[in-house]
C-alpha atoms as a PDB file:
ATOM      1  CA  UNK A   1      76.870 -61.458  27.869  1.00  0.00           C
ATOM      2  CA  UNK A   2      78.575 -62.445  24.601  1.00  0.00           C
ATOM      3  CA  UNK A   3      80.762 -65.557  25.080  1.00  0.00           C
ATOM      4  CA  UNK A   4      83.961 -63.615  24.389  1.00  0.00           C
ATOM      5  CA  UNK A   5      83.380 -61.159  27.305  1.00  0.00           C
ATOM      6  CA  UNK A   6      84.673 -62.476  30.626  1.00  0.00           C
ATOM      7  CA  UNK A   7      83.872 -59.590  32.943  1.00  0.00           C
ATOM      8  CA  UNK A   8      80.746 -57.428  32.700  1.00  0.00           C
ATOM      9  CA  UNK A   9      82.018 -53.846  32.189  1.00  0.00           C
ATOM     10  CA  UNK A  10      78.725 -52.454  33.570  1.00  0.00           C
ATOM     11  CA  UNK A  11      78.427 -54.709  36.605  1.00  0.00           C
ATOM     12  CA  UNK A  12      78.838 -51.896  39.130  1.00  0.00           C
ATOM     13  CA  UNK A  13      75.830 -50.064  37.625  1.00  0.00           C
ATOM     14  CA  UNK A  14      73.474 -53.054  37.779  1.00  0.00           C
ATOM     15  CA  UNK A  15      71.186 -53.773  40.742  1.00  0.00           C
ATOM     16  CA  UNK A  16      71.179 -57.328  42.110  1.00  0.00           C
ATOM     17  CA  UNK A  17      68.676 -59.447  40.221  1.00  0.00           C
ATOM     18  CA  UNK A  18      66.963 -60.616  43.392  1.00  0.00           C
ATOM     19  CA  UNK A  19      64.785 -58.181  45.335  1.00  0.00           C
ATOM     20  CA  UNK A  20      64.042 -58.678  49.012  1.00  0.00           C
ATOM     21  CA  UNK A  21      60.906 -56.512  48.950  1.00  0.00           C
ATOM     22  CA  UNK A  22      58.134 -58.327  50.839  1.00  0.00           C
ATOM     23  CA  UNK A  23      55.515 -57.479  48.195  1.00  0.00           C
ATOM     24  CA  UNK A  24      57.051 -60.005  45.808  1.00  0.00           C
ATOM     25  CA  UNK A  25      56.242 -62.799  48.271  1.00  0.00           C
ATOM     26  CA  UNK A  26      52.548 -61.964  47.930  1.00  0.00           C
ATOM     27  CA  UNK A  27      52.595 -61.592  44.142  1.00  0.00           C
ATOM     28  CA  UNK A  28      52.449 -64.340  41.548  1.00  0.00           C
ATOM     29  CA  UNK A  29      53.071 -63.064  38.035  1.00  0.00           C
ATOM     30  CA  UNK A  30      51.568 -65.268  35.323  1.00  0.00           C
ATOM     31  CA  UNK A  31      52.299 -63.243  32.210  1.00  0.00           C
ATOM     32  CA  UNK A  32      52.438 -59.819  30.576  1.00  0.00           C
ATOM     33  CA  UNK A  33      49.884 -57.890  28.554  1.00  0.00           C
ATOM     34  CA  UNK A  34      52.651 -55.732  27.145  1.00  0.00           C
ATOM     35  CA  UNK A  35      56.180 -54.556  27.893  1.00  0.00           C
ATOM     36  CA  UNK A  36      57.448 -51.138  26.855  1.00  0.00           C
ATOM     37  CA  UNK A  37      60.589 -49.141  27.544  1.00  0.00           C
ATOM     38  CA  UNK A  38      58.806 -47.367  30.404  1.00  0.00           C
ATOM     39  CA  UNK A  39      57.687 -50.592  32.072  1.00  0.00           C
ATOM     40  CA  UNK A  40      55.517 -53.656  31.736  1.00  0.00           C
ATOM     41  CA  UNK A  41      51.874 -54.393  32.465  1.00  0.00           C
ATOM     42  CA  UNK A  42      51.632 -57.850  34.031  1.00  0.00           C
ATOM     43  CA  UNK A  43      48.819 -60.051  35.316  1.00  0.00           C
ATOM     44  CA  UNK A  44      48.667 -62.622  38.066  1.00  0.00           C
ATOM     45  CA  UNK A  45      47.376 -63.027  41.614  1.00  0.00           C
ATOM     46  CA  UNK A  46      47.875 -61.212  44.919  1.00  0.00           C
ATOM     47  CA  UNK A  47      47.779 -62.876  48.340  1.00  0.00           C
ATOM     48  CA  UNK A  48      47.243 -66.208  46.519  1.00  0.00           C
ATOM     49  CA  UNK A  49      43.698 -65.379  45.421  1.00  0.00           C
ATOM     50  CA  UNK A  50      43.057 -61.827  44.181  1.00  0.00           C
ATOM     51  CA  UNK A  51      43.382 -61.501  40.348  1.00  0.00           C
ATOM     52  CA  UNK A  52      45.531 -58.437  39.759  1.00  0.00           C
ATOM     53  CA  UNK A  53      47.244 -56.292  37.167  1.00  0.00           C
ATOM     54  CA  UNK A  54      50.730 -55.064  38.073  1.00  0.00           C
ATOM     55  CA  UNK A  55      51.832 -51.852  36.355  1.00  0.00           C
ATOM     56  CA  UNK A  56      55.507 -51.000  36.321  1.00  0.00           C
ATOM     57  CA  UNK A  57      57.227 -47.618  36.035  1.00  0.00           C
ATOM     58  CA  UNK A  58      60.937 -47.907  35.307  1.00  0.00           C
ATOM     59  CA  UNK A  59      63.490 -45.596  36.845  1.00  0.00           C
ATOM     60  CA  UNK A  60      65.092 -42.961  34.609  1.00  0.00           C
ATOM     61  CA  UNK A  61      62.776 -43.401  31.622  1.00  0.00           C
ATOM     62  CA  UNK A  62      61.260 -40.237  30.154  1.00  0.00           C
ATOM     63  CA  UNK A  63      61.870 -36.532  30.670  1.00  0.00           C
ATOM     64  CA  UNK A  64      60.324 -33.869  32.881  1.00  0.00           C
ATOM     65  CA  UNK A  65      56.830 -34.707  34.107  1.00  0.00           C
ATOM     66  CA  UNK A  66      56.548 -37.424  31.448  1.00  0.00           C
ATOM     67  CA  UNK A  67      58.661 -39.911  33.368  1.00  0.00           C
ATOM     68  CA  UNK A  68      57.391 -43.459  33.603  1.00  0.00           C
ATOM     69  CA  UNK A  69      57.408 -43.478  37.406  1.00  0.00           C
ATOM     70  CA  UNK A  70      55.641 -40.108  37.591  1.00  0.00           C
ATOM     71  CA  UNK A  71      52.877 -41.440  35.331  1.00  0.00           C
ATOM     72  CA  UNK A  72      52.315 -44.515  37.513  1.00  0.00           C
ATOM     73  CA  UNK A  73      52.272 -42.433  40.689  1.00  0.00           C
ATOM     74  CA  UNK A  74      49.818 -40.065  39.025  1.00  0.00           C
ATOM     75  CA  UNK A  75      47.626 -43.029  38.074  1.00  0.00           C
ATOM     76  CA  UNK A  76      47.644 -44.175  41.693  1.00  0.00           C
ATOM     77  CA  UNK A  77      46.458 -40.733  42.885  1.00  0.00           C
ATOM     78  CA  UNK A  78      43.744 -40.582  40.225  1.00  0.00           C
ATOM     79  CA  UNK A  79      42.432 -44.079  41.000  1.00  0.00           C
ATOM     80  CA  UNK A  80      42.427 -43.377  44.744  1.00  0.00           C
ATOM     81  CA  UNK A  81      40.148 -40.427  44.047  1.00  0.00           C
ATOM     82  CA  UNK A  82      37.854 -42.498  41.804  1.00  0.00           C
ATOM     83  CA  UNK A  83      37.507 -45.170  44.522  1.00  0.00           C
ATOM     84  CA  UNK A  84      36.959 -48.143  42.233  1.00  0.00           C
ATOM     85  CA  UNK A  85      33.636 -47.141  40.702  1.00  0.00           C
ATOM     86  CA  UNK A  86      33.972 -47.889  36.967  1.00  0.00           C
ATOM     87  CA  UNK A  87      37.742 -48.087  37.536  1.00  0.00           C
ATOM     88  CA  UNK A  88      40.261 -50.595  38.991  1.00  0.00           C
ATOM     89  CA  UNK A  89      40.777 -50.513  42.751  1.00  0.00           C
ATOM     90  CA  UNK A  90      44.285 -49.792  44.022  1.00  0.00           C
ATOM     91  CA  UNK A  91      45.393 -52.774  46.116  1.00  0.00           C
ATOM     92  CA  UNK A  92      48.888 -51.521  46.843  1.00  0.00           C
ATOM     93  CA  UNK A  93      52.076 -49.977  45.515  1.00  0.00           C
ATOM     94  CA  UNK A  94      55.784 -50.254  46.248  1.00  0.00           C
ATOM     95  CA  UNK A  95      59.235 -49.258  45.019  1.00  0.00           C
ATOM     96  CA  UNK A  96      61.997 -51.785  44.496  1.00  0.00           C
ATOM     97  CA  UNK A  97      65.354 -51.415  42.737  1.00  0.00           C
ATOM     98  CA  UNK A  98      64.255 -47.835  42.029  1.00  0.00           C
ATOM     99  CA  UNK A  99      61.279 -49.019  39.939  1.00  0.00           C
ATOM    100  CA  UNK A 100      57.694 -48.253  40.973  1.00  0.00           C
ATOM    101  CA  UNK A 101      54.928 -50.876  40.954  1.00  0.00           C
ATOM    102  CA  UNK A 102      51.191 -50.335  41.165  1.00  0.00           C
ATOM    103  CA  UNK A 103      48.988 -53.297  42.157  1.00  0.00           C
ATOM    104  CA  UNK A 104      45.481 -53.017  40.730  1.00  0.00           C
ATOM    105  CA  UNK A 105      42.302 -55.061  40.811  1.00  0.00           C
ATOM    106  CA  UNK A 106      41.948 -56.980  37.556  1.00  0.00           C
ATOM    107  CA  UNK A 107      38.807 -56.151  35.579  1.00  0.00           C
ATOM    108  CA  UNK A 108      37.739 -58.640  32.931  1.00  0.00           C
ATOM    109  CA  UNK A 109      35.838 -57.926  29.747  1.00  0.00           C
ATOM    110  CA  UNK A 110      36.276 -57.188  26.075  1.00  0.00           C
ATOM    111  CA  UNK A 111      38.031 -54.044  25.004  1.00  0.00           C
ATOM    112  CA  UNK A 112      35.644 -51.636  23.352  1.00  0.00           C
ATOM    113  CA  UNK A 113      37.288 -52.454  20.019  1.00  0.00           C
ATOM    114  CA  UNK A 114      36.810 -56.212  20.553  1.00  0.00           C
ATOM    115  CA  UNK A 115      33.214 -55.585  21.563  1.00  0.00           C
ATOM    116  CA  UNK A 116      32.129 -53.706  18.458  1.00  0.00           C
ATOM    117  CA  UNK A 117      34.260 -55.967  16.215  1.00  0.00           C
ATOM    118  CA  UNK A 118      32.403 -59.091  17.438  1.00  0.00           C
ATOM    119  CA  UNK A 119      29.066 -57.915  18.857  1.00  0.00           C
ATOM    120  CA  UNK A 120      28.595 -54.539  17.196  1.00  0.00           C
ATOM    121  CA  UNK A 121      25.535 -53.819  15.047  1.00  0.00           C
ATOM    122  CA  UNK A 122      27.545 -53.526  11.821  1.00  0.00           C
ATOM    123  CA  UNK A 123      29.103 -57.015  12.112  1.00  0.00           C
ATOM    124  CA  UNK A 124      26.270 -59.022  13.655  1.00  0.00           C
ATOM    125  CA  UNK A 125      23.765 -61.106  11.682  1.00  0.00           C
ATOM    126  CA  UNK A 126      20.979 -59.057  10.111  1.00  0.00           C
ATOM    127  CA  UNK A 127      18.241 -60.599  12.230  1.00  0.00           C
ATOM    128  CA  UNK A 128      20.119 -59.550  15.395  1.00  0.00           C
ATOM    129  CA  UNK A 129      20.907 -55.990  14.304  1.00  0.00           C
ATOM    130  CA  UNK A 130      18.148 -54.222  16.219  1.00  0.00           C
ATOM    131  CA  UNK A 131      19.004 -56.020  19.469  1.00  0.00           C
ATOM    132  CA  UNK A 132      22.683 -55.333  18.894  1.00  0.00           C
ATOM    133  CA  UNK A 133      22.009 -51.627  18.322  1.00  0.00           C
ATOM    134  CA  UNK A 134      19.926 -51.444  21.509  1.00  0.00           C
ATOM    135  CA  UNK A 135      22.790 -53.063  23.442  1.00  0.00           C
ATOM    136  CA  UNK A 136      25.301 -50.766  21.793  1.00  0.00           C
ATOM    137  CA  UNK A 137      23.390 -47.666  22.876  1.00  0.00           C
ATOM    138  CA  UNK A 138      23.290 -49.076  26.438  1.00  0.00           C
ATOM    139  CA  UNK A 139      27.083 -49.466  26.303  1.00  0.00           C
ATOM    140  CA  UNK A 140      27.413 -45.853  25.170  1.00  0.00           C
ATOM    141  CA  UNK A 141      25.141 -44.652  27.984  1.00  0.00           C
ATOM    142  CA  UNK A 142      27.333 -46.538  30.446  1.00  0.00           C
ATOM    143  CA  UNK A 143      30.476 -45.039  28.908  1.00  0.00           C
ATOM    144  CA  UNK A 144      28.940 -41.590  29.367  1.00  0.00           C
ATOM    145  CA  UNK A 145      28.294 -42.439  33.039  1.00  0.00           C
ATOM    146  CA  UNK A 146      31.955 -43.443  33.451  1.00  0.00           C
ATOM    147  CA  UNK A 147      33.171 -40.119  32.049  1.00  0.00           C
ATOM    148  CA  UNK A 148      30.590 -38.027  33.909  1.00  0.00           C
ATOM    149  CA  UNK A 149      31.591 -39.668  37.204  1.00  0.00           C
ATOM    150  CA  UNK A 150      35.258 -38.752  36.640  1.00  0.00           C
ATOM    151  CA  UNK A 151      34.270 -35.162  35.860  1.00  0.00           C
ATOM    152  CA  UNK A 152      32.268 -34.921  39.082  1.00  0.00           C
ATOM    153  CA  UNK A 153      35.463 -35.943  40.868  1.00  0.00           C
ATOM    154  CA  UNK A 154      37.382 -33.163  39.083  1.00  0.00           C
ATOM    155  CA  UNK A 155      39.292 -35.525  36.782  1.00  0.00           C
ATOM    156  CA  UNK A 156      39.847 -35.335  33.007  1.00  0.00           C
ATOM    157  CA  UNK A 157      40.482 -38.850  31.662  1.00  0.00           C
ATOM    158  CA  UNK A 158      42.124 -37.692  28.390  1.00  0.00           C
ATOM    159  CA  UNK A 159      43.332 -40.949  26.799  1.00  0.00           C
ATOM    160  CA  UNK A 160      39.871 -42.290  25.927  1.00  0.00           C
ATOM    161  CA  UNK A 161      40.250 -44.868  23.168  1.00  0.00           C
ATOM    162  CA  UNK A 162      38.984 -48.398  22.314  1.00  0.00           C
ATOM    163  CA  UNK A 163      41.908 -50.117  24.070  1.00  0.00           C
ATOM    164  CA  UNK A 164      41.388 -48.371  27.426  1.00  0.00           C
ATOM    165  CA  UNK A 165      37.665 -49.117  27.746  1.00  0.00           C
ATOM    166  CA  UNK A 166      36.447 -52.578  28.798  1.00  0.00           C
ATOM    167  CA  UNK A 167      32.897 -53.874  28.283  1.00  0.00           C
ATOM    168  CA  UNK A 168      31.318 -56.643  30.362  1.00  0.00           C
ATOM    169  CA  UNK A 169      29.275 -58.398  27.664  1.00  0.00           C
ATOM    170  CA  UNK A 170      26.910 -59.944  30.245  1.00  0.00           C
ATOM    171  CA  UNK A 171      25.906 -56.728  32.010  1.00  0.00           C
ATOM    172  CA  UNK A 172      27.064 -54.175  29.371  1.00  0.00           C
ATOM    173  CA  UNK A 173      28.812 -52.268  32.158  1.00  0.00           C
ATOM    174  CA  UNK A 174      31.802 -50.208  31.070  1.00  0.00           C
ATOM    175  CA  UNK A 175      35.143 -49.660  32.813  1.00  0.00           C
ATOM    176  CA  UNK A 176      38.088 -47.343  32.136  1.00  0.00           C
ATOM    177  CA  UNK A 177      41.400 -49.060  32.873  1.00  0.00           C
ATOM    178  CA  UNK A 178      44.272 -46.663  32.092  1.00  0.00           C
ATOM    179  CA  UNK A 179      44.480 -43.426  34.072  1.00  0.00           C
ATOM    180  CA  UNK A 180      48.238 -42.876  33.684  1.00  0.00           C
ATOM    181  CA  UNK A 181      47.612 -39.795  31.519  1.00  0.00           C
ATOM    182  CA  UNK A 182      44.538 -38.551  33.376  1.00  0.00           C
ATOM    183  CA  UNK A 183      44.810 -35.231  35.230  1.00  0.00           C
ATOM    184  CA  UNK A 184      43.023 -33.241  37.907  1.00  0.00           C
ATOM    185  CA  UNK A 185      41.162 -30.339  36.332  1.00  0.00           C
ATOM    186  CA  UNK A 186      43.082 -27.759  38.389  1.00  0.00           C
ATOM    187  CA  UNK A 187      46.530 -29.135  37.484  1.00  0.00           C
ATOM    188  CA  UNK A 188      46.858 -26.768  34.480  1.00  0.00           C
ATOM    189  CA  UNK A 189      48.820 -29.371  32.529  1.00  0.00           C
ATOM    190  CA  UNK A 190      50.350 -28.264  29.219  1.00  0.00           C
ATOM    191  CA  UNK A 191      50.965 -31.832  28.015  1.00  0.00           C
ATOM    192  CA  UNK A 192      48.679 -33.000  25.190  1.00  0.00           C
ATOM    193  CA  UNK A 193      47.590 -36.609  24.747  1.00  0.00           C
ATOM    194  CA  UNK A 194      47.310 -37.161  20.997  1.00  0.00           C
ATOM    195  CA  UNK A 195      45.105 -40.222  20.605  1.00  0.00           C
ATOM    196  CA  UNK A 196      45.421 -41.821  17.123  1.00  0.00           C
ATOM    197  CA  UNK A 197      42.291 -41.263  14.964  1.00  0.00           C
ATOM    198  CA  UNK A 198      40.816 -39.080  17.706  1.00  0.00           C
ATOM    199  CA  UNK A 199      41.869 -35.620  16.554  1.00  0.00           C
ATOM    200  CA  UNK A 200      40.352 -32.739  18.527  1.00  0.00           C
ATOM    201  CA  UNK A 201      40.621 -28.919  18.350  1.00  0.00           C
ATOM    202  CA  UNK A 202      43.734 -27.521  20.043  1.00  0.00           C
ATOM    203  CA  UNK A 203      41.658 -25.398  22.425  1.00  0.00           C
ATOM    204  CA  UNK A 204      39.879 -28.480  23.795  1.00  0.00           C
ATOM    205  CA  UNK A 205      42.957 -30.277  25.136  1.00  0.00           C
ATOM    206  CA  UNK A 206      43.053 -30.698  28.935  1.00  0.00           C
ATOM    207  CA  UNK A 207      39.426 -29.695  29.350  1.00  0.00           C
ATOM    208  CA  UNK A 208      36.298 -31.722  30.013  1.00  0.00           C
ATOM    209  CA  UNK A 209      35.408 -31.117  26.353  1.00  0.00           C
ATOM    210  CA  UNK A 210      38.416 -33.244  25.317  1.00  0.00           C
ATOM    211  CA  UNK A 211      36.803 -36.276  26.954  1.00  0.00           C
ATOM    212  CA  UNK A 212      33.384 -35.657  25.397  1.00  0.00           C
ATOM    213  CA  UNK A 213      34.792 -35.233  21.890  1.00  0.00           C
ATOM    214  CA  UNK A 214      36.678 -38.518  22.262  1.00  0.00           C
ATOM    215  CA  UNK A 215      33.478 -40.200  23.465  1.00  0.00           C
ATOM    216  CA  UNK A 216      31.826 -38.966  20.256  1.00  0.00           C
ATOM    217  CA  UNK A 217      34.653 -40.508  18.224  1.00  0.00           C
ATOM    218  CA  UNK A 218      34.202 -43.752  20.174  1.00  0.00           C
ATOM    219  CA  UNK A 219      30.550 -43.866  19.119  1.00  0.00           C
ATOM    220  CA  UNK A 220      31.395 -43.443  15.447  1.00  0.00           C
ATOM    221  CA  UNK A 221      34.259 -45.927  15.785  1.00  0.00           C
ATOM    222  CA  UNK A 222      31.876 -48.538  17.133  1.00  0.00           C
ATOM    223  CA  UNK A 223      29.559 -48.173  14.180  1.00  0.00           C
ATOM    224  CA  UNK A 224      31.920 -48.695  11.302  1.00  0.00           C
ATOM    225  CA  UNK A 225      35.299 -47.177  12.108  1.00  0.00           C
ATOM    226  CA  UNK A 226      34.462 -44.225   9.859  1.00  0.00           C
ATOM    227  CA  UNK A 227      36.735 -41.803  11.665  1.00  0.00           C
ATOM    228  CA  UNK A 228      39.643 -44.254  11.358  1.00  0.00           C
ATOM    229  CA  UNK A 229      39.325 -44.193   7.571  1.00  0.00           C
ATOM    230  CA  UNK A 230      38.864 -40.420   7.480  1.00  0.00           C
ATOM    231  CA  UNK A 231      41.237 -39.459  10.274  1.00  0.00           C
ATOM    232  CA  UNK A 232      42.246 -36.232   8.528  1.00  0.00           C
ATOM    233  CA  UNK A 233      38.682 -35.219   7.647  1.00  0.00           C
ATOM    234  CA  UNK A 234      36.641 -32.638   9.533  1.00  0.00           C
ATOM    235  CA  UNK A 235      33.642 -33.582  11.640  1.00  0.00           C
ATOM    236  CA  UNK A 236      31.058 -32.631   8.990  1.00  0.00           C
ATOM    237  CA  UNK A 237      32.672 -34.979   6.464  1.00  0.00           C
ATOM    238  CA  UNK A 238      32.855 -37.801   9.007  1.00  0.00           C
ATOM    239  CA  UNK A 239      29.215 -37.312  10.032  1.00  0.00           C
ATOM    240  CA  UNK A 240      27.976 -37.390   6.431  1.00  0.00           C
ATOM    241  CA  UNK A 241      29.949 -40.531   5.639  1.00  0.00           C
ATOM    242  CA  UNK A 242      28.826 -42.149   8.888  1.00  0.00           C
ATOM    243  CA  UNK A 243      25.150 -41.476   8.066  1.00  0.00           C
ATOM    244  CA  UNK A 244      25.607 -43.156   4.694  1.00  0.00           C
ATOM    245  CA  UNK A 245      27.282 -46.184   6.276  1.00  0.00           C
ATOM    246  CA  UNK A 246      24.486 -46.643   8.824  1.00  0.00           C
ATOM    247  CA  UNK A 247      21.817 -46.199   6.148  1.00  0.00           C
ATOM    248  CA  UNK A 248      23.609 -48.723   3.941  1.00  0.00           C
ATOM    249  CA  UNK A 249      23.580 -51.203   6.828  1.00  0.00           C
ATOM    250  CA  UNK A 250      19.801 -50.948   6.863  1.00  0.00           C
ATOM    251  CA  UNK A 251      19.242 -49.051  10.092  1.00  0.00           C
ATOM    252  CA  UNK A 252      16.263 -46.755  10.355  1.00  0.00           C
ATOM    253  CA  UNK A 253      16.566 -42.970  10.496  1.00  0.00           C
ATOM    254  CA  UNK A 254      15.675 -43.044  14.216  1.00  0.00           C
ATOM    255  CA  UNK A 255      18.933 -44.847  14.953  1.00  0.00           C
ATOM    256  CA  UNK A 256      20.948 -42.267  13.018  1.00  0.00           C
ATOM    257  CA  UNK A 257      19.164 -39.518  14.970  1.00  0.00           C
ATOM    258  CA  UNK A 258      19.807 -41.326  18.286  1.00  0.00           C
ATOM    259  CA  UNK A 259      23.500 -41.678  17.580  1.00  0.00           C
END
């Protein structure tokens, strides 16, 4: 409080700072990846050994079905259905002081953006380009497997973007780490997830096609960020510019055809 205020006028609306929930005894929070109005995303350990990510949904934030707690509870349901394959395992969840917390297995790796910005074929040394392109196509195949698996489970991932995809640079395996906005295909959601630079036709929202179009944008993003620079262009314009970029980088026509 400011030094000139003696008594907190909002004290009766504030929960005690200390929580007696037993989950906190098993959690050790080491830091935060990010903190937003709707809640933080923290990292640490669980039961003194398990590396975890703790996702928070704060009470009273948001409107309708877009509330922070509803999103975290939805993520828990989605991840339970996906059972940890290509996705974080749910290790637990609890509510304390009206906020909701989701304890998830921590998955390590580079974000997709970090991967193509450091190991991608358009930034690597010329003599390593062919190997880098081969690895890149393997990453894309694995990303396709991640999405196809979700679809077989009846789930539309929706918010597919370079920050939500992790790449293990040793194995080239791919993981999807943010299912807060994912939906079950029969939910008939009217909410639209507008991913920056990943514009799609209105009729494709909340369908499996939404995921596949965003995968296509991910491919182009990883080979030059063309769609970022032409975010208001149509697909034909992006494709033509992309082909020129890849040709300029010295890749053969077979790579352009493959992509």
